[in-house]
């Protein structure tokens, strides 16, 4: 397994790939493969979050927050129609940042679940 194995993740950006390489630099090849398999199953694609935001503009607001496991914010968005659409528009503009924060937590959780941290 090379350090570029993370490049095959959908929608991955340079910052995320570098962070993952730094996180896993001390892992053995077997542990990197286990980490990648678990992280890949837990990771969210930024384009999916953007699509959820756009659905919130024409349909049910807050789907992106539910997908990111932010249940309280999802309920708040749902009840307030995405803060009268302003919050949904802001989320659409910041979908990469929201996804990156979620994926970072999931990477750390994946490492902890495998006993690698």
PDB file of N, CA and C in Angstrom:
ATOM      1  N   UNK A   1       0.851  -1.176   0.000  1.00  0.00           N
ATOM      2  CA  UNK A   1       0.000   0.000   0.000  1.00  0.00           C
ATOM      3  C   UNK A   1       0.893   1.234   0.000  1.00  0.00           C
ATOM      4  N   UNK A   2       0.646   2.120  -0.943  1.00  0.00           N
ATOM      5  CA  UNK A   2       1.453   3.336  -1.035  1.00  0.00           C
ATOM      6  C   UNK A   2       0.769   4.481  -0.289  1.00  0.00           C
ATOM      7  N   UNK A   3       1.498   5.561  -0.142  1.00  0.00           N
ATOM      8  CA  UNK A   3       0.923   6.745   0.499  1.00  0.00           C
ATOM      9  C   UNK A   3      -0.149   7.391  -0.366  1.00  0.00           C
ATOM     10  N   UNK A   4      -0.196   6.994  -1.638  1.00  0.00           N
ATOM     11  CA  UNK A   4      -1.161   7.590  -2.553  1.00  0.00           C
ATOM     12  C   UNK A   4      -2.460   6.804  -2.601  1.00  0.00           C
ATOM     13  N   UNK A   5      -2.618   5.810  -1.758  1.00  0.00           N
ATOM     14  CA  UNK A   5      -3.859   5.033  -1.731  1.00  0.00           C
ATOM     15  C   UNK A   5      -5.043   5.897  -1.324  1.00  0.00           C
ATOM     16  N   UNK A   6      -4.772   6.953  -0.566  1.00  0.00           N
ATOM     17  CA  UNK A   6      -5.865   7.837  -0.149  1.00  0.00           C
ATOM     18  C   UNK A   6      -6.399   8.652  -1.329  1.00  0.00           C
ATOM     19  N   UNK A   7      -5.621   8.767  -2.395  1.00  0.00           N
ATOM     20  CA  UNK A   7      -6.041   9.550  -3.559  1.00  0.00           C
ATOM     21  C   UNK A   7      -7.246   8.940  -4.254  1.00  0.00           C
ATOM     22  N   UNK A   8      -7.520   7.663  -4.027  1.00  0.00           N
ATOM     23  CA  UNK A   8      -8.664   7.031  -4.685  1.00  0.00           C
ATOM     24  C   UNK A   8      -9.985   7.316  -3.975  1.00  0.00           C
ATOM     25  N   UNK A   9      -9.947   7.968  -2.825  1.00  0.00           N
ATOM     26  CA  UNK A   9     -11.183   8.303  -2.127  1.00  0.00           C
ATOM     27  C   UNK A   9     -11.929   9.372  -2.920  1.00  0.00           C
ATOM     28  N   UNK A  10     -13.240   9.238  -3.082  1.00  0.00           N
ATOM     29  CA  UNK A  10     -13.985  10.210  -3.893  1.00  0.00           C
ATOM     30  C   UNK A  10     -14.020  11.594  -3.242  1.00  0.00           C
ATOM     31  N   UNK A  11     -13.711  12.589  -4.047  1.00  0.00           N
ATOM     32  CA  UNK A  11     -13.790  13.969  -3.589  1.00  0.00           C
ATOM     33  C   UNK A  11     -12.706  14.394  -2.622  1.00  0.00           C
ATOM     34  N   UNK A  12     -11.648  13.593  -2.492  1.00  0.00           N
ATOM     35  CA  UNK A  12     -10.603  13.945  -1.532  1.00  0.00           C
ATOM     36  C   UNK A  12      -9.809  15.146  -2.047  1.00  0.00           C
ATOM     37  N   UNK A  13      -9.448  16.013  -1.113  1.00  0.00           N
ATOM     38  CA  UNK A  13      -8.660  17.183  -1.466  1.00  0.00           C
ATOM     39  C   UNK A  13      -7.261  17.022  -0.894  1.00  0.00           C
ATOM     40  N   UNK A  14      -6.380  17.879  -1.364  1.00  0.00           N
ATOM     41  CA  UNK A  14      -4.971  17.796  -0.989  1.00  0.00           C
ATOM     42  C   UNK A  14      -4.782  17.869   0.524  1.00  0.00           C
ATOM     43  N   UNK A  15      -5.505  18.782   1.174  1.00  0.00           N
ATOM     44  CA  UNK A  15      -5.365  18.967   2.627  1.00  0.00           C
ATOM     45  C   UNK A  15      -5.722  17.677   3.369  1.00  0.00           C
ATOM     46  N   UNK A  16      -6.823  17.063   2.987  1.00  0.00           N
ATOM     47  CA  UNK A  16      -7.250  15.825   3.638  1.00  0.00           C
ATOM     48  C   UNK A  16      -6.257  14.704   3.397  1.00  0.00           C
ATOM     49  N   UNK A  17      -5.775  14.596   2.162  1.00  0.00           N
ATOM     50  CA  UNK A  17      -4.835  13.523   1.843  1.00  0.00           C
ATOM     51  C   UNK A  17      -3.531  13.684   2.634  1.00  0.00           C
ATOM     52  N   UNK A  18      -3.032  14.900   2.722  1.00  0.00           N
ATOM     53  CA  UNK A  18      -1.808  15.135   3.490  1.00  0.00           C
ATOM     54  C   UNK A  18      -2.023  14.827   4.969  1.00  0.00           C
ATOM     55  N   UNK A  19      -3.187  15.204   5.477  1.00  0.00           N
ATOM     56  CA  UNK A  19      -3.486  14.949   6.892  1.00  0.00           C
ATOM     57  C   UNK A  19      -3.566  13.448   7.157  1.00  0.00           C
ATOM     58  N   UNK A  20      -4.199  12.712   6.246  1.00  0.00           N
ATOM     59  CA  UNK A  20      -4.298  11.256   6.403  1.00  0.00           C
ATOM     60  C   UNK A  20      -2.930  10.589   6.307  1.00  0.00           C
ATOM     61  N   UNK A  21      -2.081  11.080   5.407  1.00  0.00           N
ATOM     62  CA  UNK A  21      -0.728  10.525   5.298  1.00  0.00           C
ATOM     63  C   UNK A  21       0.053  10.771   6.582  1.00  0.00           C
ATOM     64  N   UNK A  22      -0.118  11.946   7.159  1.00  0.00           N
ATOM     65  CA  UNK A  22       0.572  12.266   8.413  1.00  0.00           C
ATOM     66  C   UNK A  22       0.028  11.391   9.552  1.00  0.00           C
ATOM     67  N   UNK A  23      -1.294  11.194   9.582  1.00  0.00           N
ATOM     68  CA  UNK A  23      -1.912  10.386  10.635  1.00  0.00           C
ATOM     69  C   UNK A  23      -1.437   8.942  10.579  1.00  0.00           C
ATOM     70  N   UNK A  24      -1.269   8.416   9.364  1.00  0.00           N
ATOM     71  CA  UNK A  24      -0.974   6.993   9.204  1.00  0.00           C
ATOM     72  C   UNK A  24       0.495   6.699   8.915  1.00  0.00           C
ATOM     73  N   UNK A  25       1.362   7.682   9.040  1.00  0.00           N
ATOM     74  CA  UNK A  25       2.758   7.480   8.646  1.00  0.00           C
ATOM     75  C   UNK A  25       3.462   6.426   9.507  1.00  0.00           C
ATOM     76  N   UNK A  26       3.031   6.225  10.733  1.00  0.00           N
ATOM     77  CA  UNK A  26       3.682   5.236  11.592  1.00  0.00           C
ATOM     78  C   UNK A  26       2.989   3.869  11.546  1.00  0.00           C
ATOM     79  N   UNK A  27       1.920   3.759  10.763  1.00  0.00           N
ATOM     80  CA  UNK A  27       1.184   2.503  10.682  1.00  0.00           C
ATOM     81  C   UNK A  27       1.903   1.525   9.759  1.00  0.00           C
ATOM     82  N   UNK A  28       1.773   0.246  10.052  1.00  0.00           N
ATOM     83  CA  UNK A  28       2.294  -0.773   9.140  1.00  0.00           C
ATOM     84  C   UNK A  28       1.372  -0.852   7.921  1.00  0.00           C
ATOM     85  N   UNK A  29       1.815  -1.529   6.899  1.00  0.00           N
ATOM     86  CA  UNK A  29       1.012  -1.651   5.675  1.00  0.00           C
ATOM     87  C   UNK A  29      -0.330  -2.308   5.955  1.00  0.00           C
ATOM     88  N   UNK A  30      -0.329  -3.343   6.795  1.00  0.00           N
ATOM     89  CA  UNK A  30      -1.574  -4.024   7.142  1.00  0.00           C
ATOM     90  C   UNK A  30      -2.515  -3.091   7.903  1.00  0.00           C
ATOM     91  N   UNK A  31      -1.962  -2.341   8.840  1.00  0.00           N
ATOM     92  CA  UNK A  31      -2.793  -1.409   9.605  1.00  0.00           C
ATOM     93  C   UNK A  31      -3.326  -0.284   8.723  1.00  0.00           C
ATOM     94  N   UNK A  32      -2.515   0.178   7.755  1.00  0.00           N
ATOM     95  CA  UNK A  32      -2.992   1.208   6.827  1.00  0.00           C
ATOM     96  C   UNK A  32      -4.157   0.688   6.001  1.00  0.00           C
ATOM     97  N   UNK A  33      -4.079  -0.553   5.578  1.00  0.00           N
ATOM     98  CA  UNK A  33      -5.172  -1.124   4.786  1.00  0.00           C
ATOM     99  C   UNK A  33      -6.432  -1.259   5.628  1.00  0.00           C
ATOM    100  N   UNK A  34      -6.269  -1.702   6.862  1.00  0.00           N
ATOM    101  CA  UNK A  34      -7.433  -1.810   7.758  1.00  0.00           C
ATOM    102  C   UNK A  34      -8.034  -0.433   8.017  1.00  0.00           C
ATOM    103  N   UNK A  35      -7.157   0.559   8.262  1.00  0.00           N
ATOM    104  CA  UNK A  35      -7.627   1.924   8.503  1.00  0.00           C
ATOM    105  C   UNK A  35      -8.367   2.456   7.284  1.00  0.00           C
ATOM    106  N   UNK A  36      -7.787   2.272   6.108  1.00  0.00           N
ATOM    107  CA  UNK A  36      -8.406   2.781   4.881  1.00  0.00           C
ATOM    108  C   UNK A  36      -9.771   2.138   4.651  1.00  0.00           C
ATOM    109  N   UNK A  37      -9.884   0.844   4.882  1.00  0.00           N
ATOM    110  CA  UNK A  37     -11.172   0.165   4.687  1.00  0.00           C
ATOM    111  C   UNK A  37     -12.234   0.716   5.634  1.00  0.00           C
ATOM    112  N   UNK A  38     -11.865   0.908   6.898  1.00  0.00           N
ATOM    113  CA  UNK A  38     -12.834   1.427   7.870  1.00  0.00           C
ATOM    114  C   UNK A  38     -13.162   2.890   7.594  1.00  0.00           C
ATOM    115  N   UNK A  39     -12.114   3.684   7.330  1.00  0.00           N
ATOM    116  CA  UNK A  39     -12.326   5.119   7.085  1.00  0.00           C
ATOM    117  C   UNK A  39     -13.161   5.336   5.827  1.00  0.00           C
ATOM    118  N   UNK A  40     -12.909   4.564   4.812  1.00  0.00           N
ATOM    119  CA  UNK A  40     -13.652   4.699   3.561  1.00  0.00           C
ATOM    120  C   UNK A  40     -15.145   4.440   3.767  1.00  0.00           C
ATOM    121  N   UNK A  41     -15.475   3.517   4.652  1.00  0.00           N
ATOM    122  CA  UNK A  41     -16.885   3.216   4.892  1.00  0.00           C
ATOM    123  C   UNK A  41     -17.573   4.290   5.735  1.00  0.00           C
ATOM    124  N   UNK A  42     -16.805   5.065   6.500  1.00  0.00           N
ATOM    125  CA  UNK A  42     -17.377   6.075   7.390  1.00  0.00           C
ATOM    126  C   UNK A  42     -17.314   7.480   6.800  1.00  0.00           C
ATOM    127  N   UNK A  43     -16.490   7.690   5.806  1.00  0.00           N
ATOM    128  CA  UNK A  43     -16.222   8.998   5.242  1.00  0.00           C
ATOM    129  C   UNK A  43     -17.400   9.488   4.396  1.00  0.00           C
ATOM    130  N   UNK A  44     -17.592  10.797   4.345  1.00  0.00           N
ATOM    131  CA  UNK A  44     -18.620  11.410   3.499  1.00  0.00           C
ATOM    132  C   UNK A  44     -17.946  12.155   2.350  1.00  0.00           C
ATOM    133  N   UNK A  45     -18.590  12.105   1.188  1.00  0.00           N
ATOM    134  CA  UNK A  45     -18.108  12.804   0.004  1.00  0.00           C
ATOM    135  C   UNK A  45     -18.644  14.242   0.035  1.00  0.00           C
ATOM    136  N   UNK A  46     -17.794  15.242  -0.197  1.00  0.00           N
ATOM    137  CA  UNK A  46     -18.271  16.634  -0.184  1.00  0.00           C
ATOM    138  C   UNK A  46     -19.400  16.899  -1.184  1.00  0.00           C
ATOM    139  N   UNK A  47     -19.379  16.218  -2.322  1.00  0.00           N
ATOM    140  CA  UNK A  47     -20.447  16.437  -3.302  1.00  0.00           C
ATOM    141  C   UNK A  47     -21.793  15.944  -2.790  1.00  0.00           C
ATOM    142  N   UNK A  48     -21.792  14.868  -2.000  1.00  0.00           N
ATOM    143  CA  UNK A  48     -23.043  14.384  -1.436  1.00  0.00           C
ATOM    144  C   UNK A  48     -23.620  15.417  -0.464  1.00  0.00           C
ATOM    145  N   UNK A  49     -22.748  16.054   0.323  1.00  0.00           N
ATOM    146  CA  UNK A  49     -23.217  17.077   1.257  1.00  0.00           C
ATOM    147  C   UNK A  49     -23.775  18.273   0.493  1.00  0.00           C
ATOM    148  N   UNK A  50     -23.116  18.652  -0.603  1.00  0.00           N
ATOM    149  CA  UNK A  50     -23.620  19.758  -1.423  1.00  0.00           C
ATOM    150  C   UNK A  50     -24.994  19.411  -2.002  1.00  0.00           C
ATOM    151  N   UNK A  51     -25.152  18.211  -2.482  1.00  0.00           N
ATOM    152  CA  UNK A  51     -26.451  17.792  -3.027  1.00  0.00           C
ATOM    153  C   UNK A  51     -27.520  17.836  -1.943  1.00  0.00           C
ATOM    154  N   UNK A  52     -27.174  17.396  -0.732  1.00  0.00           N
ATOM    155  CA  UNK A  52     -28.135  17.455   0.384  1.00  0.00           C
ATOM    156  C   UNK A  52     -28.515  18.898   0.697  1.00  0.00           C
ATOM    157  N   UNK A  53     -27.554  19.818   0.620  1.00  0.00           N
ATOM    158  CA  UNK A  53     -27.847  21.237   0.846  1.00  0.00           C
ATOM    159  C   UNK A  53     -28.814  21.755  -0.213  1.00  0.00           C
ATOM    160  N   UNK A  54     -28.570  21.377  -1.454  1.00  0.00           N
ATOM    161  CA  UNK A  54     -29.432  21.851  -2.541  1.00  0.00           C
ATOM    162  C   UNK A  54     -30.831  21.264  -2.431  1.00  0.00           C
ATOM    163  N   UNK A  55     -30.939  20.038  -1.954  1.00  0.00           N
ATOM    164  CA  UNK A  55     -32.258  19.446  -1.697  1.00  0.00           C
ATOM    165  C   UNK A  55     -32.971  20.258  -0.617  1.00  0.00           C
ATOM    166  N   UNK A  56     -32.199  20.753   0.352  1.00  0.00           N
ATOM    167  CA  UNK A  56     -32.775  21.563   1.421  1.00  0.00           C
ATOM    168  C   UNK A  56     -33.368  22.872   0.930  1.00  0.00           C
ATOM    169  N   UNK A  57     -32.891  23.355  -0.208  1.00  0.00           N
ATOM    170  CA  UNK A  57     -33.436  24.601  -0.750  1.00  0.00           C
ATOM    171  C   UNK A  57     -34.783  24.404  -1.438  1.00  0.00           C
ATOM    172  N   UNK A  58     -35.018  23.198  -1.953  1.00  0.00           N
ATOM    173  CA  UNK A  58     -36.285  22.967  -2.661  1.00  0.00           C
ATOM    174  C   UNK A  58     -37.183  21.969  -1.947  1.00  0.00           C
ATOM    175  N   UNK A  59     -36.646  21.321  -0.914  1.00  0.00           N
ATOM    176  CA  UNK A  59     -37.433  20.301  -0.221  1.00  0.00           C
ATOM    177  C   UNK A  59     -37.227  20.380   1.274  1.00  0.00           C
ATOM    178  N   UNK A  60     -36.873  19.272   1.850  1.00  0.00           N
ATOM    179  CA  UNK A  60     -36.681  19.166   3.287  1.00  0.00           C
ATOM    180  C   UNK A  60     -35.341  19.763   3.693  1.00  0.00           C
ATOM    181  N   UNK A  61     -35.386  20.771   4.545  1.00  0.00           N
ATOM    182  CA  UNK A  61     -34.160  21.438   5.006  1.00  0.00           C
ATOM    183  C   UNK A  61     -33.489  20.626   6.103  1.00  0.00           C
ATOM    184  N   UNK A  62     -32.187  20.676   6.143  1.00  0.00           N
ATOM    185  CA  UNK A  62     -31.419  20.071   7.224  1.00  0.00           C
ATOM    186  C   UNK A  62     -30.907  18.675   6.955  1.00  0.00           C
ATOM    187  N   UNK A  63     -31.147  18.157   5.773  1.00  0.00           N
ATOM    188  CA  UNK A  63     -30.693  16.797   5.468  1.00  0.00           C
ATOM    189  C   UNK A  63     -29.179  16.698   5.620  1.00  0.00           C
ATOM    190  N   UNK A  64     -28.462  17.736   5.174  1.00  0.00           N
ATOM    191  CA  UNK A  64     -26.997  17.712   5.266  1.00  0.00           C
ATOM    192  C   UNK A  64     -26.536  17.584   6.709  1.00  0.00           C
ATOM    193  N   UNK A  65     -27.254  18.173   7.641  1.00  0.00           N
ATOM    194  CA  UNK A  65     -26.875  18.086   9.058  1.00  0.00           C
ATOM    195  C   UNK A  65     -27.156  16.684   9.613  1.00  0.00           C
ATOM    196  N   UNK A  66     -28.255  16.090   9.186  1.00  0.00           N
ATOM    197  CA  UNK A  66     -28.531  14.714   9.615  1.00  0.00           C
ATOM    198  C   UNK A  66     -27.474  13.758   9.076  1.00  0.00           C
ATOM    199  N   UNK A  67     -27.085  13.954   7.818  1.00  0.00           N
ATOM    200  CA  UNK A  67     -26.068  13.087   7.204  1.00  0.00           C
ATOM    201  C   UNK A  67     -24.736  13.223   7.942  1.00  0.00           C
ATOM    202  N   UNK A  68     -24.442  14.420   8.438  1.00  0.00           N
ATOM    203  CA  UNK A  68     -23.192  14.656   9.159  1.00  0.00           C
ATOM    204  C   UNK A  68     -23.308  14.327  10.652  1.00  0.00           C
ATOM    205  N   UNK A  69     -24.359  13.626  11.029  1.00  0.00           N
ATOM    206  CA  UNK A  69     -24.607  13.204  12.414  1.00  0.00           C
ATOM    207  C   UNK A  69     -24.748  14.377  13.381  1.00  0.00           C
ATOM    208  N   UNK A  70     -25.218  15.513  12.876  1.00  0.00           N
ATOM    209  CA  UNK A  70     -25.515  16.663  13.720  1.00  0.00           C
ATOM    210  C   UNK A  70     -27.036  16.731  13.867  1.00  0.00           C
ATOM    211  N   UNK A  71     -27.555  15.815  14.685  1.00  0.00           N
ATOM    212  CA  UNK A  71     -29.005  15.608  14.780  1.00  0.00           C
ATOM    213  C   UNK A  71     -29.720  16.851  15.304  1.00  0.00           C
ATOM    214  N   UNK A  72     -29.202  17.477  16.344  1.00  0.00           N
ATOM    215  CA  UNK A  72     -29.866  18.663  16.906  1.00  0.00           C
ATOM    216  C   UNK A  72     -29.933  19.786  15.874  1.00  0.00           C
ATOM    217  N   UNK A  73     -28.831  20.014  15.166  1.00  0.00           N
ATOM    218  CA  UNK A  73     -28.840  21.052  14.125  1.00  0.00           C
ATOM    219  C   UNK A  73     -29.779  20.664  12.986  1.00  0.00           C
ATOM    220  N   UNK A  74     -29.850  19.391  12.677  1.00  0.00           N
ATOM    221  CA  UNK A  74     -30.764  18.940  11.633  1.00  0.00           C
ATOM    222  C   UNK A  74     -32.211  19.224  11.995  1.00  0.00           C
ATOM    223  N   UNK A  75     -32.555  18.950  13.245  1.00  0.00           N
ATOM    224  CA  UNK A  75     -33.924  19.237  13.700  1.00  0.00           C
ATOM    225  C   UNK A  75     -34.198  20.734  13.664  1.00  0.00           C
ATOM    226  N   UNK A  76     -33.204  21.524  14.104  1.00  0.00           N
ATOM    227  CA  UNK A  76     -33.351  22.988  14.080  1.00  0.00           C
ATOM    228  C   UNK A  76     -33.533  23.495  12.647  1.00  0.00           C
ATOM    229  N   UNK A  77     -32.744  22.987  11.728  1.00  0.00           N
ATOM    230  CA  UNK A  77     -32.889  23.366  10.314  1.00  0.00           C
ATOM    231  C   UNK A  77     -34.260  22.941   9.791  1.00  0.00           C
ATOM    232  N   UNK A  78     -34.700  21.765  10.184  1.00  0.00           N
ATOM    233  CA  UNK A  78     -35.985  21.248   9.712  1.00  0.00           C
ATOM    234  C   UNK A  78     -37.128  22.129  10.189  1.00  0.00           C
ATOM    235  N   UNK A  79     -37.107  22.514  11.460  1.00  0.00           N
ATOM    236  CA  UNK A  79     -38.187  23.306  12.051  1.00  0.00           C
ATOM    237  C   UNK A  79     -38.180  24.743  11.520  1.00  0.00           C
ATOM    238  N   UNK A  80     -36.996  25.300  11.277  1.00  0.00           N
ATOM    239  CA  UNK A  80     -36.901  26.711  10.866  1.00  0.00           C
ATOM    240  C   UNK A  80     -36.720  26.880   9.357  1.00  0.00           C
ATOM    241  N   UNK A  81     -36.965  25.799   8.614  1.00  0.00           N
ATOM    242  CA  UNK A  81     -36.778  25.818   7.152  1.00  0.00           C
ATOM    243  C   UNK A  81     -35.359  26.267   6.794  1.00  0.00           C
ATOM    244  N   UNK A  82     -34.420  25.673   7.490  1.00  0.00           N
ATOM    245  CA  UNK A  82     -33.009  25.971   7.202  1.00  0.00           C
ATOM    246  C   UNK A  82     -32.662  27.409   7.543  1.00  0.00           C
ATOM    247  N   UNK A  83     -33.172  27.853   8.719  1.00  0.00           N
ATOM    248  CA  UNK A  83     -33.013  29.238   9.151  1.00  0.00           C
ATOM    249  C   UNK A  83     -33.468  30.172   8.027  1.00  0.00           C
ATOM    250  N   UNK A  84     -34.687  29.913   7.547  1.00  0.00           N
ATOM    251  CA  UNK A  84     -35.276  30.676   6.434  1.00  0.00           C
ATOM    252  C   UNK A  84     -34.360  30.659   5.211  1.00  0.00           C
ATOM    253  N   UNK A  85     -33.816  29.509   4.923  1.00  0.00           N
ATOM    254  CA  UNK A  85     -32.962  29.225   3.758  1.00  0.00           C
ATOM    255  C   UNK A  85     -31.562  29.830   3.858  1.00  0.00           C
ATOM    256  N   UNK A  86     -31.346  30.781   4.741  1.00  0.00           N
ATOM    257  CA  UNK A  86     -30.025  31.417   4.845  1.00  0.00           C
ATOM    258  C   UNK A  86     -28.991  30.413   5.332  1.00  0.00           C
ATOM    259  N   UNK A  87     -29.337  29.630   6.360  1.00  0.00           N
ATOM    260  CA  UNK A  87     -28.411  28.632   6.888  1.00  0.00           C
ATOM    261  C   UNK A  87     -28.091  27.556   5.863  1.00  0.00           C
ATOM    262  N   UNK A  88     -29.088  27.189   5.093  1.00  0.00           N
ATOM    263  CA  UNK A  88     -28.860  26.182   4.051  1.00  0.00           C
ATOM    264  C   UNK A  88     -27.931  26.720   2.972  1.00  0.00           C
ATOM    265  N   UNK A  89     -28.099  27.981   2.601  1.00  0.00           N
ATOM    266  CA  UNK A  89     -27.215  28.589   1.593  1.00  0.00           C
ATOM    267  C   UNK A  89     -25.791  28.678   2.135  1.00  0.00           C
ATOM    268  N   UNK A  90     -25.659  29.039   3.404  1.00  0.00           N
ATOM    269  CA  UNK A  90     -24.319  29.108   4.019  1.00  0.00           C
ATOM    270  C   UNK A  90     -23.698  27.716   4.062  1.00  0.00           C
ATOM    271  N   UNK A  91     -24.498  26.710   4.407  1.00  0.00           N
ATOM    272  CA  UNK A  91     -23.984  25.330   4.418  1.00  0.00           C
ATOM    273  C   UNK A  91     -23.549  24.895   3.019  1.00  0.00           C
ATOM    274  N   UNK A  92     -24.313  25.293   2.006  1.00  0.00           N
ATOM    275  CA  UNK A  92     -23.935  24.933   0.630  1.00  0.00           C
ATOM    276  C   UNK A  92     -22.599  25.578   0.257  1.00  0.00           C
ATOM    277  N   UNK A  93     -22.412  26.820   0.690  1.00  0.00           N
ATOM    278  CA  UNK A  93     -21.143  27.502   0.397  1.00  0.00           C
ATOM    279  C   UNK A  93     -19.988  26.875   1.166  1.00  0.00           C
ATOM    280  N   UNK A  94     -20.264  26.381   2.357  1.00  0.00           N
ATOM    281  CA  UNK A  94     -19.217  25.804   3.211  1.00  0.00           C
ATOM    282  C   UNK A  94     -19.259  24.277   3.250  1.00  0.00           C
ATOM    283  N   UNK A  95     -19.798  23.644   2.231  1.00  0.00           N
ATOM    284  CA  UNK A  95     -19.974  22.181   2.282  1.00  0.00           C
ATOM    285  C   UNK A  95     -18.636  21.451   2.392  1.00  0.00           C
ATOM    286  N   UNK A  96     -17.591  21.970   1.794  1.00  0.00           N
ATOM    287  CA  UNK A  96     -16.278  21.310   1.889  1.00  0.00           C
ATOM    288  C   UNK A  96     -15.740  21.368   3.326  1.00  0.00           C
ATOM    289  N   UNK A  97     -15.889  22.496   3.970  1.00  0.00           N
ATOM    290  CA  UNK A  97     -15.415  22.649   5.343  1.00  0.00           C
ATOM    291  C   UNK A  97     -16.208  21.749   6.285  1.00  0.00           C
ATOM    292  N   UNK A  98     -17.537  21.710   6.128  1.00  0.00           N
ATOM    293  CA  UNK A  98     -18.374  20.848   6.970  1.00  0.00           C
ATOM    294  C   UNK A  98     -17.972  19.387   6.803  1.00  0.00           C
ATOM    295  N   UNK A  99     -17.754  18.984   5.562  1.00  0.00           N
ATOM    296  CA  UNK A  99     -17.391  17.597   5.282  1.00  0.00           C
ATOM    297  C   UNK A  99     -16.001  17.277   5.821  1.00  0.00           C
ATOM    298  N   UNK A 100     -15.082  18.211   5.666  1.00  0.00           N
ATOM    299  CA  UNK A 100     -13.715  18.008   6.151  1.00  0.00           C
ATOM    300  C   UNK A 100     -13.704  17.829   7.668  1.00  0.00           C
ATOM    301  N   UNK A 101     -14.455  18.658   8.387  1.00  0.00           N
ATOM    302  CA  UNK A 101     -14.527  18.535   9.847  1.00  0.00           C
ATOM    303  C   UNK A 101     -15.113  17.173  10.245  1.00  0.00           C
ATOM    304  N   UNK A 102     -16.156  16.746   9.551  1.00  0.00           N
ATOM    305  CA  UNK A 102     -16.754  15.448   9.840  1.00  0.00           C
ATOM    306  C   UNK A 102     -15.763  14.323   9.550  1.00  0.00           C
ATOM    307  N   UNK A 103     -15.125  14.389   8.382  1.00  0.00           N
ATOM    308  CA  UNK A 103     -14.197  13.325   7.993  1.00  0.00           C
ATOM    309  C   UNK A 103     -12.991  13.250   8.924  1.00  0.00           C
ATOM    310  N   UNK A 104     -12.554  14.383   9.415  1.00  0.00           N
ATOM    311  CA  UNK A 104     -11.417  14.395  10.355  1.00  0.00           C
ATOM    312  C   UNK A 104     -11.787  13.642  11.636  1.00  0.00           C
ATOM    313  N   UNK A 105     -12.983  13.905  12.143  1.00  0.00           N
ATOM    314  CA  UNK A 105     -13.448  13.182  13.333  1.00  0.00           C
ATOM    315  C   UNK A 105     -13.555  11.690  13.062  1.00  0.00           C
ATOM    316  N   UNK A 106     -14.071  11.349  11.893  1.00  0.00           N
ATOM    317  CA  UNK A 106     -14.237   9.932  11.554  1.00  0.00           C
ATOM    318  C   UNK A 106     -12.895   9.229  11.373  1.00  0.00           C
ATOM    319  N   UNK A 107     -11.898   9.952  10.875  1.00  0.00           N
ATOM    320  CA  UNK A 107     -10.560   9.354  10.748  1.00  0.00           C
ATOM    321  C   UNK A 107      -9.988   9.036  12.127  1.00  0.00           C
ATOM    322  N   UNK A 108     -10.138   9.979  13.048  1.00  0.00           N
ATOM    323  CA  UNK A 108      -9.645   9.750  14.412  1.00  0.00           C
ATOM    324  C   UNK A 108     -10.432   8.627  15.094  1.00  0.00           C
ATOM    325  N   UNK A 109     -11.740   8.588  14.860  1.00  0.00           N
ATOM    326  CA  UNK A 109     -12.559   7.515  15.421  1.00  0.00           C
ATOM    327  C   UNK A 109     -12.163   6.164  14.832  1.00  0.00           C
ATOM    328  N   UNK A 110     -11.910   6.141  13.531  1.00  0.00           N
ATOM    329  CA  UNK A 110     -11.503   4.889  12.876  1.00  0.00           C
ATOM    330  C   UNK A 110     -10.184   4.391  13.452  1.00  0.00           C
ATOM    331  N   UNK A 111      -9.240   5.304  13.639  1.00  0.00           N
ATOM    332  CA  UNK A 111      -7.945   4.916  14.213  1.00  0.00           C
ATOM    333  C   UNK A 111      -8.130   4.397  15.633  1.00  0.00           C
ATOM    334  N   UNK A 112      -9.006   5.040  16.399  1.00  0.00           N
ATOM    335  CA  UNK A 112      -9.246   4.597  17.772  1.00  0.00           C
ATOM    336  C   UNK A 112      -9.934   3.234  17.801  1.00  0.00           C
ATOM    337  N   UNK A 113     -10.884   3.036  16.899  1.00  0.00           N
ATOM    338  CA  UNK A 113     -11.582   1.742  16.847  1.00  0.00           C
ATOM    339  C   UNK A 113     -10.631   0.595  16.529  1.00  0.00           C
ATOM    340  N   UNK A 114      -9.618   0.880  15.715  1.00  0.00           N
ATOM    341  CA  UNK A 114      -8.649  -0.148  15.355  1.00  0.00           C
ATOM    342  C   UNK A 114      -7.513  -0.250  16.371  1.00  0.00           C
ATOM    343  N   UNK A 115      -7.542   0.628  17.377  1.00  0.00           N
ATOM    344  CA  UNK A 115      -6.499   0.617  18.401  1.00  0.00           C
ATOM    345  C   UNK A 115      -5.174   1.145  17.890  1.00  0.00           C
ATOM    346  N   UNK A 116      -5.224   2.057  16.925  1.00  0.00           N
ATOM    347  CA  UNK A 116      -4.004   2.575  16.308  1.00  0.00           C
ATOM    348  C   UNK A 116      -3.606   3.948  16.829  1.00  0.00           C
ATOM    349  N   UNK A 117      -4.449   4.585  17.608  1.00  0.00           N
ATOM    350  CA  UNK A 117      -4.116   5.944  18.074  1.00  0.00           C
ATOM    351  C   UNK A 117      -3.469   5.934  19.436  1.00  0.00           C
TER     352      UNK A 117
END
